[in-house]
Amino acid sequence: MFVVRESTDRPFREWAQVGVPSLVVGVLSPSTARHDRVTKRRRYQRSGVPAYWIVDLDARVVEVWTPAATAPVIAVESLAWQPDGATPPLVVDLPGVFRQIWSE
């Protein structure tokens, strides 16, 4: 999932107009875990994506990467995201989300 800033001028018509996403969220699968954690992460960091969240459903954690990070912050209880100009922040209760996912 990508979150991008809304255009103030006109709707986006091409990917090149979107620019750098404010947030990228990926969900790991056994076949993509290495690609998500290494290749994609490095690309997002080099591109200046402010936040890249890697959701590990099996471990029930989210890895939080920022452009300068050499290791992720591991979120277990909650995640908070607040892009510039946004109030209040988006707060995600991770145990509640994972409980809902695994109960279905």
Protein backbone atom coordinates (compact mmCIF):
# COMPACT_ATOMS: atom_id res chain seq x y z
CA MET A 1 0.00 0.00 0.00
CA PHE A 2 1.25 3.47 -0.84
CA VAL A 3 0.10 6.72 0.74
CA VAL A 4 0.80 9.82 -1.31
CA ARG A 5 0.06 13.49 -0.83
CA GLU A 6 -3.07 14.76 -2.48
CA SER A 7 -2.52 16.94 -5.50
CA THR A 8 -3.64 20.52 -4.93
CA ASP A 9 -3.57 21.37 -8.62
CA ARG A 10 -5.19 18.50 -10.47
CA PRO A 11 -5.62 14.71 -10.26
CA PHE A 12 -2.59 12.53 -10.95
CA ARG A 13 -2.64 11.07 -14.44
CA GLU A 14 0.76 9.32 -14.44
CA TRP A 15 2.94 7.65 -11.80
CA ALA A 16 5.70 10.21 -12.41
CA GLN A 17 3.40 12.92 -11.04
CA VAL A 18 2.90 11.12 -7.72
CA GLY A 19 6.42 11.65 -6.41
CA VAL A 20 7.78 10.00 -3.26
CA PRO A 21 5.11 8.26 -1.17
CA SER A 22 4.64 9.43 2.42
CA LEU A 23 4.18 5.86 3.64
CA VAL A 24 4.66 2.42 2.11
CA VAL A 25 3.23 -0.70 3.78
CA GLY A 26 4.09 -4.22 2.65
CA VAL A 27 2.94 -7.59 3.96
CA LEU A 28 5.55 -10.36 3.99
CA SER A 29 5.00 -13.68 2.36
CA PRO A 30 7.53 -16.54 2.32
CA SER A 31 8.27 -15.93 -1.36
CA THR A 32 8.84 -12.16 -1.03
CA ALA A 33 10.36 -11.70 2.44
CA ARG A 34 13.95 -11.26 1.32
CA HIS A 35 12.97 -8.96 -1.56
CA ASP A 36 10.81 -6.82 0.76
CA ARG A 37 13.42 -6.60 3.52
CA VAL A 38 16.45 -5.99 1.31
CA THR A 39 15.78 -4.83 -2.24
CA LYS A 40 12.57 -2.83 -1.73
CA ARG A 41 13.75 -1.41 1.58
CA ARG A 42 16.97 -0.09 0.07
CA ARG A 43 15.09 1.45 -2.86
CA TYR A 44 12.60 3.16 -0.56
CA GLN A 45 15.38 4.45 1.71
CA ARG A 46 17.37 5.83 -1.23
CA SER A 47 14.21 7.46 -2.62
CA GLY A 48 13.56 9.20 0.70
CA VAL A 49 10.30 7.43 1.62
CA PRO A 50 9.78 8.70 5.19
CA ALA A 51 8.25 5.46 6.49
CA TYR A 52 8.29 1.88 5.19
CA TRP A 53 6.34 -0.60 7.29
CA ILE A 54 6.92 -4.32 6.75
CA VAL A 55 4.09 -6.34 8.27
CA ASP A 56 5.12 -9.83 9.43
CA LEU A 57 1.85 -11.65 10.04
CA ASP A 58 3.51 -14.80 11.38
CA ALA A 59 5.61 -12.94 13.97
CA ARG A 60 2.79 -10.44 14.62
CA VAL A 61 5.12 -7.46 14.40
CA VAL A 62 5.77 -4.56 12.05
CA GLU A 63 9.26 -3.50 11.03
CA VAL A 64 9.46 0.28 10.75
CA TRP A 65 12.14 1.62 8.42
CA THR A 66 13.12 5.24 7.85
CA PRO A 67 15.60 6.62 5.30
CA ALA A 68 18.62 6.77 7.64
CA ALA A 69 17.91 3.58 9.61
CA THR A 70 20.44 0.75 9.59
CA ALA A 71 18.04 -1.51 11.48
CA PRO A 72 14.27 -1.44 11.85
CA VAL A 73 12.31 -0.40 14.88
CA ILE A 74 10.17 -3.42 15.74
CA ALA A 75 6.60 -2.43 16.62
CA VAL A 76 4.69 -4.93 18.72
CA GLU A 77 2.04 -2.94 20.59
CA SER A 78 1.15 0.02 18.41
CA LEU A 79 2.16 2.11 15.43
CA ALA A 80 1.74 5.83 15.13
CA TRP A 81 2.01 7.75 11.89
CA GLN A 82 1.61 11.47 11.54
CA PRO A 83 2.66 13.08 8.27
CA ASP A 84 3.38 16.80 8.23
CA GLY A 85 0.22 18.82 8.74
CA ALA A 86 -1.93 15.90 9.92
CA THR A 87 -3.70 15.86 13.25
CA PRO A 88 -4.39 13.66 15.06
CA PRO A 89 -1.92 10.87 14.22
CA LEU A 90 -3.04 7.52 12.86
CA VAL A 91 -2.53 5.03 15.70
CA VAL A 92 -2.77 1.31 14.98
CA ASP A 93 -3.37 -1.17 17.81
CA LEU A 94 -1.28 -4.08 16.55
CA PRO A 95 -2.48 -6.83 18.92
CA GLY A 96 -6.06 -5.94 17.97
CA VAL A 97 -5.28 -6.00 14.24
CA PHE A 98 -3.42 -9.31 14.42
CA ARG A 99 -6.13 -10.85 16.62
CA GLN A 100 -8.74 -9.87 14.03
CA ILE A 101 -6.66 -11.25 11.15
CA TRP A 102 -5.99 -14.59 12.81
CA SER A 103 -9.56 -15.05 14.08
CA GLU A 104 -11.08 -14.93 10.59
